[in-house]
Amino acid sequence: MCANCGYPAAPGHWTETGAASPGDRLRARYRRAQVLRSVLPAYGLTAHDDGQMPGIQIGNHFGSQTIVRDLDEVWCEAERMLGRPIDPLDPRFLGE
């Protein structure tokens, strides 16, 4: 349990498989946040993960914000905020 926020420690996401150390896990988390920050603005959304609290903060330009636990929840919440589906594998984000 986190002494600061009271949340249980996050068990990790499947994308962290193979992370040999806590530093590797944190680098993977920052890399995911970097990718989200490059994809979500095209939909009018923002993502923030400072590595200090559990979860990823998702927001829109109207001031609505929520915290989600992992990437699966990011896409569900982003679609809920937009009211339409998002394709994270859209060719414009893959450089095709």
C-alpha atoms as a PDB file:
ATOM      1  CA  MET A   1       0.000   0.000   0.000  1.00  0.00           C
ATOM      2  CA  CYS A   2       1.211   3.460  -0.871  1.00  0.00           C
ATOM      3  CA  ALA A   3       2.033   5.445   2.251  1.00  0.00           C
ATOM      4  CA  ASN A   4       1.126   8.715   0.515  1.00  0.00           C
ATOM      5  CA  CYS A   5      -2.192   7.980  -1.132  1.00  0.00           C
ATOM      6  CA  GLY A   6      -3.488   4.801   0.525  1.00  0.00           C
ATOM      7  CA  TYR A   7      -3.954   2.917  -2.743  1.00  0.00           C
ATOM      8  CA  PRO A   8      -2.655  -0.629  -2.991  1.00  0.00           C
ATOM      9  CA  ALA A   9       0.545  -0.961  -4.958  1.00  0.00           C
ATOM     10  CA  ALA A  10      -0.168  -1.531  -8.638  1.00  0.00           C
ATOM     11  CA  PRO A  11       0.719  -5.069  -9.737  1.00  0.00           C
ATOM     12  CA  GLY A  12       2.007  -3.856 -13.086  1.00  0.00           C
ATOM     13  CA  HIS A  13       0.636  -3.989 -16.586  1.00  0.00           C
ATOM     14  CA  TRP A  14       1.301  -6.739 -19.123  1.00  0.00           C
ATOM     15  CA  THR A  15       3.388  -4.257 -21.114  1.00  0.00           C
ATOM     16  CA  GLU A  16       5.921  -4.316 -18.270  1.00  0.00           C
ATOM     17  CA  THR A  17       6.660  -8.014 -18.736  1.00  0.00           C
ATOM     18  CA  GLY A  18      10.405  -8.497 -18.707  1.00  0.00           C
ATOM     19  CA  ALA A  19      11.136  -5.384 -16.654  1.00  0.00           C
ATOM     20  CA  ALA A  20      14.125  -6.552 -14.647  1.00  0.00           C
ATOM     21  CA  SER A  21      14.109  -3.766 -12.078  1.00  0.00           C
ATOM     22  CA  PRO A  22      11.847  -1.082 -10.644  1.00  0.00           C
ATOM     23  CA  GLY A  23      13.753   1.392 -12.818  1.00  0.00           C
ATOM     24  CA  ASP A  24      12.858  -0.581 -15.948  1.00  0.00           C
ATOM     25  CA  ARG A  25       9.224  -0.642 -14.867  1.00  0.00           C
ATOM     26  CA  LEU A  26       9.212   3.123 -14.334  1.00  0.00           C
ATOM     27  CA  ARG A  27      10.859   3.722 -17.727  1.00  0.00           C
ATOM     28  CA  ALA A  28       8.170   1.567 -19.370  1.00  0.00           C
ATOM     29  CA  ARG A  29       5.491   3.591 -17.592  1.00  0.00           C
ATOM     30  CA  TYR A  30       6.979   6.892 -18.783  1.00  0.00           C
ATOM     31  CA  ARG A  31       7.252   5.550 -22.336  1.00  0.00           C
ATOM     32  CA  ARG A  32       3.557   4.575 -22.321  1.00  0.00           C
ATOM     33  CA  ALA A  33       2.659   8.066 -21.087  1.00  0.00           C
ATOM     34  CA  GLN A  34       4.772   9.599 -23.843  1.00  0.00           C
ATOM     35  CA  VAL A  35       2.936   7.572 -26.498  1.00  0.00           C
ATOM     36  CA  LEU A  36      -0.456   8.507 -25.029  1.00  0.00           C
ATOM     37  CA  ARG A  37       0.521  12.181 -25.059  1.00  0.00           C
ATOM     38  CA  SER A  38       1.282  11.889 -28.769  1.00  0.00           C
ATOM     39  CA  VAL A  39      -1.946  10.036 -29.707  1.00  0.00           C
ATOM     40  CA  LEU A  40      -4.721  11.468 -27.528  1.00  0.00           C
ATOM     41  CA  PRO A  41      -4.464  15.165 -28.509  1.00  0.00           C
ATOM     42  CA  ALA A  42      -5.775  14.240 -31.982  1.00  0.00           C
ATOM     43  CA  TYR A  43      -9.015  13.390 -30.156  1.00  0.00           C
ATOM     44  CA  GLY A  44      -9.007  16.498 -27.951  1.00  0.00           C
ATOM     45  CA  LEU A  45      -7.791  14.541 -24.910  1.00  0.00           C
ATOM     46  CA  THR A  46      -4.767  14.718 -22.653  1.00  0.00           C
ATOM     47  CA  ALA A  47      -2.877  12.112 -20.662  1.00  0.00           C
ATOM     48  CA  HIS A  48      -0.669  12.633 -17.636  1.00  0.00           C
ATOM     49  CA  ASP A  49       1.329  10.127 -15.614  1.00  0.00           C
ATOM     50  CA  ASP A  50       3.898  11.569 -13.238  1.00  0.00           C
ATOM     51  CA  GLY A  51       4.961   8.157 -11.927  1.00  0.00           C
ATOM     52  CA  GLN A  52       4.146   9.157  -8.357  1.00  0.00           C
ATOM     53  CA  MET A  53       0.509   8.155  -8.093  1.00  0.00           C
ATOM     54  CA  PRO A  54      -1.159   5.004  -9.328  1.00  0.00           C
ATOM     55  CA  GLY A  55      -2.893   5.347 -12.649  1.00  0.00           C
ATOM     56  CA  ILE A  56      -3.029   7.657 -15.628  1.00  0.00           C
ATOM     57  CA  GLN A  57      -4.966  10.915 -15.617  1.00  0.00           C
ATOM     58  CA  ILE A  58      -7.119  11.449 -18.713  1.00  0.00           C
ATOM     59  CA  GLY A  59      -8.709  14.817 -19.425  1.00  0.00           C
ATOM     60  CA  ASN A  60     -10.478  16.776 -22.112  1.00  0.00           C
ATOM     61  CA  HIS A  61     -10.499  20.447 -23.092  1.00  0.00           C
ATOM     62  CA  PHE A  62     -13.716  21.029 -21.159  1.00  0.00           C
ATOM     63  CA  GLY A  63     -12.036  20.339 -17.808  1.00  0.00           C
ATOM     64  CA  SER A  64     -13.357  16.830 -17.253  1.00  0.00           C
ATOM     65  CA  GLN A  65     -10.691  14.537 -15.795  1.00  0.00           C
ATOM     66  CA  THR A  66     -10.510  11.008 -14.483  1.00  0.00           C
ATOM     67  CA  ILE A  67      -7.853   8.595 -13.306  1.00  0.00           C
ATOM     68  CA  VAL A  68      -7.629   5.123 -14.829  1.00  0.00           C
ATOM     69  CA  ARG A  69      -5.516   2.156 -13.793  1.00  0.00           C
ATOM     70  CA  ASP A  70      -4.027   0.906 -17.065  1.00  0.00           C
ATOM     71  CA  LEU A  71      -4.042   1.099 -20.865  1.00  0.00           C
ATOM     72  CA  ASP A  72      -7.216  -0.945 -21.201  1.00  0.00           C
ATOM     73  CA  GLU A  73      -9.068   1.596 -19.096  1.00  0.00           C
ATOM     74  CA  VAL A  74      -7.455   4.506 -20.975  1.00  0.00           C
ATOM     75  CA  TRP A  75      -9.201   3.510 -24.199  1.00  0.00           C
ATOM     76  CA  CYS A  76     -12.521   2.772 -22.501  1.00  0.00           C
ATOM     77  CA  GLU A  77     -12.523   6.124 -20.703  1.00  0.00           C
ATOM     78  CA  ALA A  78     -11.333   8.039 -23.770  1.00  0.00           C
ATOM     79  CA  GLU A  79     -14.192   6.575 -25.802  1.00  0.00           C
ATOM     80  CA  ARG A  80     -16.653   7.385 -23.027  1.00  0.00           C
ATOM     81  CA  MET A  81     -15.434  11.007 -22.867  1.00  0.00           C
ATOM     82  CA  LEU A  82     -15.664  11.381 -26.634  1.00  0.00           C
ATOM     83  CA  GLY A  83     -18.853   9.451 -27.130  1.00  0.00           C
ATOM     84  CA  ARG A  84     -17.332   7.530 -30.042  1.00  0.00           C
ATOM     85  CA  PRO A  85     -14.778   4.781 -30.655  1.00  0.00           C
ATOM     86  CA  ILE A  86     -11.037   5.426 -30.862  1.00  0.00           C
ATOM     87  CA  ASP A  87      -8.703   3.289 -32.924  1.00  0.00           C
ATOM     88  CA  PRO A  88      -5.260   3.335 -31.246  1.00  0.00           C
ATOM     89  CA  LEU A  89      -3.917   1.500 -34.295  1.00  0.00           C
ATOM     90  CA  ASP A  90      -5.063   4.189 -36.705  1.00  0.00           C
ATOM     91  CA  PRO A  91      -2.502   4.338 -39.576  1.00  0.00           C
ATOM     92  CA  ARG A  92      -1.833   8.039 -38.945  1.00  0.00           C
ATOM     93  CA  PHE A  93      -0.320   7.118 -35.557  1.00  0.00           C
ATOM     94  CA  LEU A  94       1.657   4.159 -36.883  1.00  0.00           C
ATOM     95  CA  GLY A  95       3.512   6.158 -39.530  1.00  0.00           C
ATOM     96  CA  GLU A  96       2.033   4.157 -42.392  1.00  0.00           C
END
